[in-house]
Amino acid sequence: MRSNRIALVLAGLWAAMWIFFEGAESLGSGHFGQALLFLLLMGGGVALAWKWPVIGGGLLLLEGLAALAMFTPMWIRRFDALQAILLFSLMCAPPLVAGAMLLIGGVRDARAR
């Protein structure tokens, strides 16, 4: 149960950071589509994980894998290794870790019943 709380805090901080970032960027550009997408996907993933940890954990894991698949090729071409690792740790790692923690916690809770 404690690992679920840690996973939700991690996912919530990750989502809040990116929603804030995209919202601030949208205010400057006047284009709110990407900010709305981040709000729905990231905020929705955390909300689902809060209510249904296993389903939300799976969605967070998919979000992390999708970010990894979409952004890693660009990061490798445009940035040096340290910058790519930093971007991975900000964009991909939090939902991967939180999703895995929620899925493992859900399996453990199901076995305990």
C-alpha atoms as a PDB file:
ATOM      1  CA  MET A   1       0.000   0.000   0.000  1.00  0.00           C
ATOM      2  CA  ARG A   2       2.842   2.376   0.794  1.00  0.00           C
ATOM      3  CA  SER A   3       4.409   1.733  -2.605  1.00  0.00           C
ATOM      4  CA  ASN A   4       1.128   2.774  -4.252  1.00  0.00           C
ATOM      5  CA  ARG A   5       1.258   6.125  -2.470  1.00  0.00           C
ATOM      6  CA  ILE A   6       4.863   6.682  -3.515  1.00  0.00           C
ATOM      7  CA  ALA A   7       3.984   5.745  -7.114  1.00  0.00           C
ATOM      8  CA  LEU A   8       1.001   8.124  -7.124  1.00  0.00           C
ATOM      9  CA  VAL A   9       3.100  10.977  -5.747  1.00  0.00           C
ATOM     10  CA  LEU A  10       5.794  10.331  -8.358  1.00  0.00           C
ATOM     11  CA  ALA A  11       3.240  10.171 -11.179  1.00  0.00           C
ATOM     12  CA  GLY A  12       1.412  13.228  -9.869  1.00  0.00           C
ATOM     13  CA  LEU A  13       4.579  15.321  -9.690  1.00  0.00           C
ATOM     14  CA  TRP A  14       5.596  14.177 -13.164  1.00  0.00           C
ATOM     15  CA  ALA A  15       2.181  15.011 -14.633  1.00  0.00           C
ATOM     16  CA  ALA A  16       1.958  18.352 -12.816  1.00  0.00           C
ATOM     17  CA  MET A  17       5.393  19.406 -14.052  1.00  0.00           C
ATOM     18  CA  TRP A  18       4.612  18.619 -17.687  1.00  0.00           C
ATOM     19  CA  ILE A  19       1.090  20.054 -17.566  1.00  0.00           C
ATOM     20  CA  PHE A  20       2.498  23.260 -16.074  1.00  0.00           C
ATOM     21  CA  PHE A  21       5.296  23.375 -18.652  1.00  0.00           C
ATOM     22  CA  GLU A  22       2.955  22.836 -21.596  1.00  0.00           C
ATOM     23  CA  GLY A  23       0.386  25.261 -20.172  1.00  0.00           C
ATOM     24  CA  ALA A  24       2.998  27.988 -19.765  1.00  0.00           C
ATOM     25  CA  GLU A  25       4.321  27.342 -23.261  1.00  0.00           C
ATOM     26  CA  SER A  26       0.762  27.510 -24.623  1.00  0.00           C
ATOM     27  CA  LEU A  27       0.165  30.872 -23.001  1.00  0.00           C
ATOM     28  CA  GLY A  28       3.142  32.252 -24.891  1.00  0.00           C
ATOM     29  CA  SER A  29       2.238  30.759 -28.241  1.00  0.00           C
ATOM     30  CA  GLY A  30      -1.545  30.865 -28.054  1.00  0.00           C
ATOM     31  CA  HIS A  31      -1.828  27.205 -29.116  1.00  0.00           C
ATOM     32  CA  PHE A  32      -3.507  25.133 -26.422  1.00  0.00           C
ATOM     33  CA  GLY A  33      -3.921  21.783 -28.184  1.00  0.00           C
ATOM     34  CA  GLN A  34      -0.765  20.175 -26.836  1.00  0.00           C
ATOM     35  CA  ALA A  35      -1.414  21.471 -23.313  1.00  0.00           C
ATOM     36  CA  LEU A  36      -4.910  19.959 -23.434  1.00  0.00           C
ATOM     37  CA  LEU A  37      -3.478  16.664 -24.695  1.00  0.00           C
ATOM     38  CA  PHE A  38      -0.952  16.588 -21.833  1.00  0.00           C
ATOM     39  CA  LEU A  39      -3.700  17.397 -19.334  1.00  0.00           C
ATOM     40  CA  LEU A  40      -5.925  14.596 -20.619  1.00  0.00           C
ATOM     41  CA  LEU A  41      -3.245  11.923 -21.008  1.00  0.00           C
ATOM     42  CA  MET A  42      -1.003  12.617 -18.044  1.00  0.00           C
ATOM     43  CA  GLY A  43      -3.619  13.950 -15.654  1.00  0.00           C
ATOM     44  CA  GLY A  44      -6.033  11.241 -16.738  1.00  0.00           C
ATOM     45  CA  GLY A  45      -3.430   8.540 -16.176  1.00  0.00           C
ATOM     46  CA  VAL A  46      -2.804   9.740 -12.640  1.00  0.00           C
ATOM     47  CA  ALA A  47      -6.553  10.038 -11.948  1.00  0.00           C
ATOM     48  CA  LEU A  48      -7.116   6.486 -13.190  1.00  0.00           C
ATOM     49  CA  ALA A  49      -4.205   5.238 -11.100  1.00  0.00           C
ATOM     50  CA  TRP A  50      -5.684   6.932  -8.050  1.00  0.00           C
ATOM     51  CA  LYS A  51      -9.040   5.164  -8.483  1.00  0.00           C
ATOM     52  CA  TRP A  52      -7.877   1.902 -10.096  1.00  0.00           C
ATOM     53  CA  PRO A  53      -4.154   1.363  -9.441  1.00  0.00           C
ATOM     54  CA  VAL A  54      -3.667  -1.589 -11.794  1.00  0.00           C
ATOM     55  CA  ILE A  55      -5.440   0.025 -14.769  1.00  0.00           C
ATOM     56  CA  GLY A  56      -3.764   3.375 -14.143  1.00  0.00           C
ATOM     57  CA  GLY A  57      -0.415   1.670 -13.635  1.00  0.00           C
ATOM     58  CA  GLY A  58      -0.765  -0.029 -17.002  1.00  0.00           C
ATOM     59  CA  LEU A  59      -1.653   3.268 -18.648  1.00  0.00           C
ATOM     60  CA  LEU A  60       1.304   5.035 -17.015  1.00  0.00           C
ATOM     61  CA  LEU A  61       3.589   2.249 -18.197  1.00  0.00           C
ATOM     62  CA  LEU A  62       2.223   2.641 -21.738  1.00  0.00           C
ATOM     63  CA  GLU A  63       2.696   6.425 -21.560  1.00  0.00           C
ATOM     64  CA  GLY A  64       6.319   5.962 -20.520  1.00  0.00           C
ATOM     65  CA  LEU A  65       6.955   3.442 -23.282  1.00  0.00           C
ATOM     66  CA  ALA A  66       5.254   5.688 -25.851  1.00  0.00           C
ATOM     67  CA  ALA A  67       7.384   8.656 -24.790  1.00  0.00           C
ATOM     68  CA  LEU A  68      10.473   6.459 -24.985  1.00  0.00           C
ATOM     69  CA  ALA A  69       9.590   5.279 -28.493  1.00  0.00           C
ATOM     70  CA  MET A  70       8.645   8.744 -29.770  1.00  0.00           C
ATOM     71  CA  PHE A  71      11.400  10.879 -28.288  1.00  0.00           C
ATOM     72  CA  THR A  72      14.510   8.715 -27.934  1.00  0.00           C
ATOM     73  CA  PRO A  73      15.439   8.728 -31.656  1.00  0.00           C
ATOM     74  CA  MET A  74      15.293  12.541 -31.694  1.00  0.00           C
ATOM     75  CA  TRP A  75      17.223  12.860 -28.425  1.00  0.00           C
ATOM     76  CA  ILE A  76      20.008  10.626 -29.688  1.00  0.00           C
ATOM     77  CA  ARG A  77      20.411  12.719 -32.859  1.00  0.00           C
ATOM     78  CA  ARG A  78      20.116  16.168 -31.271  1.00  0.00           C
ATOM     79  CA  PHE A  79      21.690  15.911 -27.826  1.00  0.00           C
ATOM     80  CA  ASP A  80      24.774  14.495 -26.168  1.00  0.00           C
ATOM     81  CA  ALA A  81      24.477  11.512 -23.820  1.00  0.00           C
ATOM     82  CA  LEU A  82      24.098  13.516 -20.600  1.00  0.00           C
ATOM     83  CA  GLN A  83      21.295  15.647 -22.026  1.00  0.00           C
ATOM     84  CA  ALA A  84      19.527  12.558 -23.409  1.00  0.00           C
ATOM     85  CA  ILE A  85      19.737  10.873 -19.992  1.00  0.00           C
ATOM     86  CA  LEU A  86      18.337  13.991 -18.325  1.00  0.00           C
ATOM     87  CA  LEU A  87      15.433  14.107 -20.789  1.00  0.00           C
ATOM     88  CA  PHE A  88      14.786  10.392 -20.236  1.00  0.00           C
ATOM     89  CA  SER A  89      14.726  10.924 -16.471  1.00  0.00           C
ATOM     90  CA  LEU A  90      12.227  13.790 -16.831  1.00  0.00           C
ATOM     91  CA  MET A  91       9.923  12.404 -19.505  1.00  0.00           C
ATOM     92  CA  CYS A  92      10.084   8.610 -19.572  1.00  0.00           C
ATOM     93  CA  ALA A  93      11.388   7.283 -16.272  1.00  0.00           C
ATOM     94  CA  PRO A  94       8.716   8.623 -13.859  1.00  0.00           C
ATOM     95  CA  PRO A  95       5.698   7.011 -15.568  1.00  0.00           C
ATOM     96  CA  LEU A  96       7.664   3.803 -16.185  1.00  0.00           C
ATOM     97  CA  VAL A  97       8.668   3.530 -12.522  1.00  0.00           C
ATOM     98  CA  ALA A  98       5.274   4.607 -11.163  1.00  0.00           C
ATOM     99  CA  GLY A  99       3.401   2.276 -13.518  1.00  0.00           C
ATOM    100  CA  ALA A 100       5.608  -0.672 -12.604  1.00  0.00           C
ATOM    101  CA  MET A 101       5.204   0.062  -8.887  1.00  0.00           C
ATOM    102  CA  LEU A 102       1.406   0.215  -9.224  1.00  0.00           C
ATOM    103  CA  LEU A 103       1.253  -3.005 -11.245  1.00  0.00           C
ATOM    104  CA  ILE A 104       3.521  -4.863  -8.825  1.00  0.00           C
ATOM    105  CA  GLY A 105       1.531  -3.500  -5.872  1.00  0.00           C
ATOM    106  CA  GLY A 106      -1.735  -4.584  -7.515  1.00  0.00           C
ATOM    107  CA  VAL A 107      -0.468  -8.112  -8.098  1.00  0.00           C
ATOM    108  CA  ARG A 108       0.829  -8.308  -4.531  1.00  0.00           C
ATOM    109  CA  ASP A 109      -2.520  -7.057  -3.146  1.00  0.00           C
ATOM    110  CA  ALA A 110      -4.428  -9.571  -5.285  1.00  0.00           C
ATOM    111  CA  ARG A 111      -2.291 -12.436  -3.966  1.00  0.00           C
ATOM    112  CA  ALA A 112      -2.808 -11.301  -0.373  1.00  0.00           C
ATOM    113  CA  ARG A 113      -6.588 -11.647  -0.726  1.00  0.00           C
END
